[in-house]
Amino acid sequence: ISIHSILESGSTILNLQNGNPNPTSTFTSSFGEIPNKISGQLNSFANQVGYFNLSCPFEMSKTSCAFLEYSEEDRARTRISSEYYKSVIRNAFDSTFFSGSNNQNTAKRVFMTGDSLTRQLFISLVCNAFTLYDGLVEHTEINWKEVDPCRNPSLCKIKGGEHGTFDAASVKFRGGMEVHFVPHKGFKDKGTAEVHVLERLAAEASNMGRVTFGKRTAMQPGGPVDVLVYNVGIHFGMDEFRDKLEYFVNKVTIPLIRKNLSARPRIIYFTTPTQHFNTSDGTFQGWRGSEWSLKCVDEVESNPRADIEKKILAPGVNIDVLLDYDDLNFGMMHVGKHDCAHYCMPGLPDTVAAKLLDLIK
């Protein structure tokens, strides 16, 4: 399926409203308590679709394709992403949240660190829990930025505050599972990001045989790190990207695995999502490129960053799990508007987040 086939079919996008108000959940942000904006009658899709068009308090407007709709191409992207999401997501999350493993005795504390690509997976975990299952989200804290330092005006319709952008964020689910996201790269504030997280993790791995959450989580963790989820991200050139990944392996994962202590976390790395820019290798070549190079193509032959990751990372040897996006032919589901790196939400990140949750449980 492609953007062009959707446009040629003359199909219209379903105008879905959803989100299930949850009076037992507490949402705390740097702007105070977050009100749930969903009111009035919810249509019959509410409990099947999950979140859509900023129905979830954690959604960011710049990756909500429904919110950003302007052209027929935009509407096609929204439709492809939302239909894909609806077709797979409920069963994917049901298998984890209702498998009997998310209880107080086996609840996991998860530390996710990366850039905005990792943040998309965090948003998916929270938004699906919040909108699909009453009472599953027990508490959240989120640090919304007062001003969003976004460079792309076509994406930055909300300039700050709720649904703008955030750095550190945390969620606690019913049953005790916690997920804490802290960015290491991308748009960030010094007080709500940890730029040198790799160096800290390396020192802890060497000295203690385990790692901690550090001091930048949005809320206080309830215990030690059970699962570490990491990705280098897309803010480095290929050489520096490789250097960062090798540092992560040599200084963090191998020391943790070799010490073979029961206290060490399970280590999950997810491959960097494929970029689908109209360039020789699909990657972003900078804002000085031609307008044509900033268009999204439906498919690319390879993902250079994922290729590097698959050569360096060996599951069971220097990493516990390598979670593959496997997305070379999903270019039609990107946000567009010169963003061929982030996918529409809801969309592909939700299926990857569901796989991640299954690995965490």
Protein backbone atom coordinates (compact mmCIF):
# COMPACT_ATOMS: atom_id res chain seq x y z
CA ILE A 1 0.00 0.00 0.00
CA SER A 2 1.27 3.47 -0.78
CA ILE A 3 0.28 7.10 -0.41
CA HIS A 4 -0.39 7.25 -4.13
CA SER A 5 -2.73 4.24 -4.18
CA ILE A 6 -4.75 5.76 -1.34
CA LEU A 7 -5.03 9.07 -3.19
CA GLU A 8 -6.04 7.37 -6.42
CA SER A 9 -8.75 5.32 -4.71
CA GLY A 10 -10.62 8.42 -3.64
CA SER A 11 -11.12 6.90 -0.18
CA THR A 12 -11.84 9.15 2.76
CA ILE A 13 -10.29 8.97 6.18
CA LEU A 14 -12.45 7.92 9.09
CA ASN A 15 -12.87 10.84 11.45
CA LEU A 16 -12.27 8.92 14.64
CA GLN A 17 -12.69 10.31 18.10
CA ASN A 18 -11.48 8.30 21.02
CA GLY A 19 -9.74 8.16 24.31
CA ASN A 20 -11.34 6.84 27.44
CA PRO A 21 -11.45 9.31 30.36
CA ASN A 22 -9.92 7.69 33.38
CA PRO A 23 -10.87 9.46 36.61
CA THR A 24 -8.56 7.29 38.75
CA SER A 25 -5.36 8.36 36.99
CA THR A 26 -3.21 11.28 38.07
CA PHE A 27 -1.38 13.26 35.38
CA THR A 28 1.24 15.68 36.59
CA SER A 29 3.28 17.98 34.38
CA SER A 30 5.40 21.07 34.60
CA PHE A 31 2.16 22.94 33.87
CA GLY A 32 0.21 21.33 36.69
CA GLU A 33 -2.46 18.69 36.47
CA ILE A 34 -3.37 17.74 32.91
CA PRO A 35 -7.14 17.77 32.27
CA ASN A 36 -8.57 15.14 29.98
CA LYS A 37 -10.05 17.01 27.02
CA ILE A 38 -12.26 14.21 25.78
CA SER A 39 -15.92 15.03 26.33
CA GLY A 40 -19.26 14.18 24.80
CA GLN A 41 -20.16 10.87 23.22
CA LEU A 42 -17.38 8.51 22.20
CA ASN A 43 -18.07 6.65 19.00
CA SER A 44 -18.07 2.88 18.64
CA PHE A 45 -14.37 2.83 17.78
CA ALA A 46 -13.28 4.28 21.13
CA ASN A 47 -12.27 1.05 22.85
CA GLN A 48 -10.82 -0.49 19.68
CA VAL A 49 -8.68 2.29 18.33
CA GLY A 50 -6.91 3.63 21.39
CA TYR A 51 -5.56 7.13 21.00
CA PHE A 52 -6.05 9.49 18.08
CA ASN A 53 -5.68 13.20 17.33
CA LEU A 54 -4.34 14.29 20.76
CA SER A 55 -6.84 12.25 22.79
CA CYS A 56 -3.95 11.09 24.99
CA PRO A 57 -2.30 13.61 27.37
CA PHE A 58 1.14 12.35 26.33
CA GLU A 59 0.72 12.85 22.58
CA MET A 60 2.95 15.35 20.81
CA SER A 61 1.24 17.39 18.12
CA LYS A 62 4.21 17.26 15.73
CA THR A 63 3.81 13.49 15.26
CA SER A 64 0.00 13.41 15.29
CA CYS A 65 -0.74 13.21 11.58
CA ALA A 66 -4.46 13.64 12.24
CA PHE A 67 -3.79 16.92 14.02
CA LEU A 68 -1.45 18.11 11.26
CA GLU A 69 -3.75 17.27 8.35
CA TYR A 70 -3.82 19.91 5.64
CA SER A 71 -3.68 18.25 2.23
CA GLU A 72 -5.04 15.09 0.63
CA GLU A 73 -1.59 13.55 1.01
CA ASP A 74 -1.72 14.31 4.74
CA ARG A 75 -5.09 12.61 5.02
CA ALA A 76 -3.73 9.57 3.18
CA ARG A 77 -0.83 9.30 5.63
CA THR A 78 -3.24 9.52 8.55
CA ARG A 79 -5.46 6.83 7.10
CA ILE A 80 -2.65 4.40 6.33
CA SER A 81 -1.14 4.81 9.79
CA SER A 82 -4.40 4.64 11.75
CA GLU A 83 -5.74 1.64 9.82
CA TYR A 84 -2.45 -0.20 10.33
CA TYR A 85 -2.55 0.67 14.02
CA LYS A 86 -6.16 -0.46 14.46
CA SER A 87 -5.49 -3.78 12.76
CA VAL A 88 -2.84 -4.96 15.19
CA ILE A 89 -2.58 -2.94 18.35
CA ARG A 90 -5.33 -4.13 20.67
CA ASN A 91 -4.32 -7.78 20.57
CA ALA A 92 -0.67 -6.84 20.84
CA PHE A 93 -1.16 -4.97 24.10
CA ASP A 94 -3.77 -7.37 25.48
CA SER A 95 -1.25 -10.20 25.31
CA THR A 96 1.03 -8.33 27.68
CA PHE A 97 -1.17 -6.31 30.01
CA PHE A 98 -3.55 -9.21 30.58
CA SER A 99 -1.12 -12.10 30.47
CA GLY A 100 -0.97 -12.34 34.24
CA SER A 101 2.68 -11.23 34.32
CA ASN A 102 2.06 -7.57 35.18
CA ASN A 103 1.54 -8.04 38.88
CA GLN A 104 3.25 -6.69 41.96
CA ASN A 105 5.53 -9.69 42.35
CA THR A 106 7.01 -9.51 38.85
CA ALA A 107 6.57 -5.81 38.05
CA LYS A 108 9.51 -4.35 36.15
CA ARG A 109 11.17 -0.94 36.38
CA VAL A 110 12.31 0.18 32.95
CA PHE A 111 14.86 2.87 32.05
CA MET A 112 14.54 4.15 28.47
CA THR A 113 17.19 6.54 27.20
CA GLY A 114 17.65 7.82 23.66
CA ASP A 115 16.41 10.67 21.51
CA SER A 116 12.97 11.48 20.08
CA LEU A 117 12.76 8.04 18.45
CA THR A 118 12.93 6.39 21.87
CA ARG A 119 10.42 8.94 23.15
CA GLN A 120 7.94 7.78 20.49
CA LEU A 121 8.02 4.27 21.99
CA PHE A 122 7.51 5.71 25.47
CA ILE A 123 4.53 7.75 24.26
CA SER A 124 3.05 4.64 22.68
CA LEU A 125 3.31 2.60 25.88
CA VAL A 126 1.57 5.29 27.92
CA CYS A 127 -1.07 6.30 25.39
CA ASN A 128 -2.20 2.77 24.62
CA ALA A 129 -2.42 1.90 28.30
CA PHE A 130 -4.33 5.11 29.01
CA THR A 131 -6.88 4.88 26.20
CA LEU A 132 -7.37 1.12 25.87
CA TYR A 133 -7.62 0.03 29.51
CA ASP A 134 -9.50 1.79 32.30
CA GLY A 135 -7.38 2.34 35.39
CA LEU A 136 -4.21 0.77 34.02
CA VAL A 137 -2.21 3.99 34.22
CA GLU A 138 -1.85 4.78 37.90
CA HIS A 139 0.42 7.83 37.85
CA THR A 140 2.43 9.85 35.36
CA GLU A 141 4.71 12.84 35.42
CA ILE A 142 5.81 14.79 32.36
CA ASN A 143 8.02 17.85 31.86
CA TRP A 144 6.40 19.82 29.03
CA LYS A 145 8.59 22.56 27.63
CA GLU A 146 7.28 26.12 27.91
CA VAL A 147 8.73 26.81 24.46
CA ASP A 148 9.23 24.17 21.80
CA PRO A 149 12.53 24.86 19.95
CA CYS A 150 11.19 23.32 16.75
CA ARG A 151 12.84 24.23 13.44
CA ASN A 152 9.99 23.13 11.21
CA PRO A 153 7.04 25.57 11.38
CA SER A 154 4.75 23.25 9.43
CA LEU A 155 5.01 20.73 12.30
CA CYS A 156 5.07 23.12 15.26
CA LYS A 157 1.43 24.13 15.46
CA ILE A 158 1.59 24.02 19.26
CA LYS A 159 4.46 26.21 20.40
CA GLY A 160 4.75 25.02 23.99
CA GLY A 161 3.00 23.42 26.92
CA GLU A 162 0.74 20.38 26.67
CA HIS A 163 1.08 18.50 23.36
CA GLY A 164 4.20 20.51 22.48
CA THR A 165 7.32 18.59 23.41
CA PHE A 166 8.83 17.13 26.57
CA ASP A 167 12.07 15.70 27.84
CA ALA A 168 11.98 13.46 30.93
CA ALA A 169 8.73 11.61 31.65
CA SER A 170 7.63 8.72 33.85
CA VAL A 171 4.66 6.39 34.18
CA LYS A 172 3.56 3.85 36.77
CA PHE A 173 1.05 1.18 35.77
CA ARG A 174 -1.40 -0.64 37.96
CA GLY A 175 0.47 -3.61 39.35
CA GLY A 176 3.70 -1.72 39.85
CA MET A 177 5.45 -1.61 36.47
CA GLU A 178 7.31 1.67 35.95
CA VAL A 179 8.77 3.17 32.77
CA HIS A 180 11.09 6.18 32.93
CA PHE A 181 12.28 8.04 29.83
CA VAL A 182 15.25 10.42 29.92
CA PRO A 183 16.64 11.84 26.65
CA HIS A 184 20.34 12.00 25.87
CA LYS A 185 20.13 13.87 22.57
CA GLY A 186 17.81 16.02 20.52
CA PHE A 187 15.89 19.08 21.72
CA LYS A 188 16.49 19.12 25.43
CA ASP A 189 17.05 21.24 28.51
CA LYS A 190 20.11 20.79 30.69
CA GLY A 191 17.91 20.17 33.70
CA THR A 192 15.69 17.52 32.11
CA ALA A 193 18.09 15.54 29.94
CA GLU A 194 21.26 13.52 30.53
CA VAL A 195 23.70 14.23 27.73
CA HIS A 196 26.46 12.07 29.23
CA VAL A 197 24.29 9.12 30.18
CA LEU A 198 26.60 6.64 28.40
CA GLU A 199 29.57 7.71 30.51
CA ARG A 200 27.53 7.35 33.70
CA LEU A 201 26.24 3.92 32.71
CA ALA A 202 29.79 2.84 31.84
CA ALA A 203 31.13 3.93 35.23
CA GLU A 204 28.31 2.13 37.05
CA ALA A 205 28.74 -1.04 35.01
CA SER A 206 32.47 -1.08 35.77
CA ASN A 207 32.21 -0.23 39.45
CA MET A 208 28.97 -1.92 40.51
CA GLY A 209 28.00 -4.45 37.86
CA ARG A 210 24.63 -2.73 37.52
CA VAL A 211 23.21 0.61 36.41
CA THR A 212 20.89 3.16 38.00
CA PHE A 213 18.24 5.58 36.76
CA GLY A 214 20.48 8.56 37.49
CA LYS A 215 19.00 11.81 38.77
CA ARG A 216 16.97 13.10 35.81
CA THR A 217 13.82 10.96 35.89
CA ALA A 218 10.53 12.84 36.07
CA MET A 219 9.48 10.94 39.19
CA GLN A 220 11.37 8.96 41.80
CA PRO A 221 11.79 5.30 40.71
CA GLY A 222 10.46 2.70 43.10
CA GLY A 223 13.59 0.55 42.96
CA PRO A 224 16.57 -0.50 40.81
CA VAL A 225 16.65 -0.78 37.02
CA ASP A 226 15.28 -4.13 35.85
CA VAL A 227 15.35 -3.37 32.11
CA LEU A 228 17.56 -0.97 30.16
CA VAL A 229 16.24 0.14 26.76
CA TYR A 230 18.72 2.09 24.65
CA ASN A 231 19.19 3.52 21.17
CA VAL A 232 22.00 5.80 19.93
CA GLY A 233 19.61 7.91 17.86
CA ILE A 234 19.96 9.95 14.67
CA HIS A 235 21.75 13.10 15.86
CA PHE A 236 25.24 11.82 15.02
CA GLY A 237 27.04 11.30 11.73
CA MET A 238 27.70 7.68 10.78
CA ASP A 239 31.24 7.55 12.17
CA GLU A 240 30.24 9.06 15.51
CA PHE A 241 27.13 6.85 15.53
CA ARG A 242 29.33 3.76 15.22
CA ASP A 243 31.68 5.07 17.93
CA LYS A 244 28.78 5.63 20.33
CA LEU A 245 27.41 2.16 19.67
CA GLU A 246 30.79 0.50 20.18
CA TYR A 247 31.27 2.47 23.39
CA PHE A 248 27.87 1.24 24.61
CA VAL A 249 28.89 -2.35 23.91
CA ASN A 250 32.47 -2.22 25.20
CA LYS A 251 31.88 -0.05 28.25
CA VAL A 252 28.32 -0.85 29.29
CA THR A 253 26.84 -4.11 28.00
CA ILE A 254 29.89 -6.39 28.02
CA PRO A 255 31.00 -5.40 31.56
CA LEU A 256 27.44 -5.96 32.79
CA ILE A 257 27.13 -9.34 31.10
CA ARG A 258 30.59 -10.57 32.12
CA LYS A 259 30.02 -9.80 35.78
CA ASN A 260 27.02 -12.11 35.53
CA LEU A 261 25.36 -10.60 38.57
CA SER A 262 21.68 -11.17 39.26
CA ALA A 263 21.37 -7.44 39.91
CA ARG A 264 22.17 -6.44 36.33
CA PRO A 265 19.29 -5.30 34.13
CA ARG A 266 18.06 -6.99 31.01
CA ILE A 267 19.49 -5.02 28.07
CA ILE A 268 17.27 -4.29 25.07
CA TYR A 269 18.41 -2.30 22.07
CA PHE A 270 16.02 -1.38 19.26
CA THR A 271 17.30 -0.71 15.78
CA THR A 272 17.12 2.88 14.58
CA PRO A 273 13.95 3.38 12.51
CA THR A 274 14.55 3.74 8.79
CA GLN A 275 14.61 7.23 7.30
CA HIS A 276 12.86 7.58 3.95
CA PHE A 277 14.18 10.85 2.56
CA ASN A 278 14.57 11.10 -1.20
CA THR A 279 18.36 10.76 -1.03
CA SER A 280 20.88 8.14 -2.12
CA ASP A 281 20.60 6.17 1.13
CA GLY A 282 17.34 7.55 2.52
CA THR A 283 19.03 9.49 5.33
CA PHE A 284 18.61 13.17 6.12
CA GLN A 285 21.26 15.23 4.33
CA GLY A 286 20.57 18.55 6.05
CA TRP A 287 18.23 21.47 5.62
CA ARG A 288 20.37 22.88 2.81
CA GLY A 289 19.38 20.04 0.53
CA SER A 290 16.89 20.50 -2.27
CA GLU A 291 13.16 20.56 -1.61
CA TRP A 292 12.96 17.27 -3.52
CA SER A 293 15.44 15.58 -1.16
CA LEU A 294 13.18 16.38 1.80
CA LYS A 295 10.27 14.43 0.34
CA CYS A 296 9.47 11.00 1.78
CA VAL A 297 9.70 7.95 -0.49
CA ASP A 298 7.70 4.79 0.14
CA GLU A 299 10.64 2.38 0.25
CA VAL A 300 14.44 2.36 0.49
CA GLU A 301 16.93 -0.43 -0.15
CA SER A 302 18.69 -0.29 3.20
CA ASN A 303 18.92 1.43 6.57
CA PRO A 304 22.60 2.38 7.13
CA ARG A 305 22.25 2.77 10.90
CA ALA A 306 20.37 -0.49 11.36
CA ASP A 307 23.01 -2.25 9.21
CA ILE A 308 25.73 -1.01 11.59
CA GLU A 309 23.69 -2.04 14.63
CA LYS A 310 23.14 -5.56 13.29
CA LYS A 311 26.86 -5.99 12.61
CA ILE A 312 27.97 -4.86 16.07
CA LEU A 313 25.19 -6.16 18.31
CA ALA A 314 24.92 -9.90 18.93
CA PRO A 315 21.91 -11.06 21.00
CA GLY A 316 23.00 -13.37 23.77
CA VAL A 317 26.62 -12.20 23.45
CA ASN A 318 26.89 -8.45 23.96
CA ILE A 319 23.18 -7.62 24.24
CA ASP A 320 20.19 -9.53 25.57
CA VAL A 321 17.68 -8.55 22.89
CA LEU A 322 17.93 -6.70 19.58
CA LEU A 323 14.47 -5.45 18.58
CA ASP A 324 14.32 -4.81 14.84
CA TYR A 325 12.00 -2.14 13.40
CA ASP A 326 12.17 -3.96 10.02
CA ASP A 327 10.63 -0.99 8.23
CA LEU A 328 12.32 -0.44 4.85
CA ASN A 329 8.97 -0.26 3.06
CA PHE A 330 7.02 1.91 5.52
CA GLY A 331 7.94 5.32 4.14
CA MET A 332 4.30 6.17 3.51
CA MET A 333 3.70 6.23 7.28
CA HIS A 334 6.12 9.02 8.15
CA VAL A 335 4.86 12.38 9.34
CA GLY A 336 5.96 14.06 6.11
CA LYS A 337 6.28 17.85 5.86
CA HIS A 338 10.07 17.38 5.58
CA ASP A 339 10.05 14.81 8.40
CA CYS A 340 10.87 11.37 7.01
CA ALA A 341 12.48 10.20 10.25
CA HIS A 342 9.51 10.09 12.65
CA TYR A 343 6.43 8.00 12.04
CA CYS A 344 2.83 9.15 12.44
CA MET A 345 1.29 8.34 15.79
CA PRO A 346 -0.67 6.23 16.15
CA GLY A 347 1.15 4.03 13.68
CA LEU A 348 4.24 1.88 13.32
CA PRO A 349 5.91 2.87 16.65
CA ASP A 350 2.93 1.33 18.45
CA THR A 351 3.57 -2.14 17.07
CA VAL A 352 7.25 -1.89 17.99
CA ALA A 353 6.29 -0.66 21.47
CA ALA A 354 3.97 -3.65 21.87
CA LYS A 355 6.85 -5.98 21.00
CA LEU A 356 9.04 -4.10 23.46
CA LEU A 357 6.44 -4.47 26.20
CA ASP A 358 6.23 -8.20 25.51
CA LEU A 359 10.01 -8.43 25.98
CA ILE A 360 9.84 -6.45 29.23
CA LYS A 361 7.08 -8.41 30.97
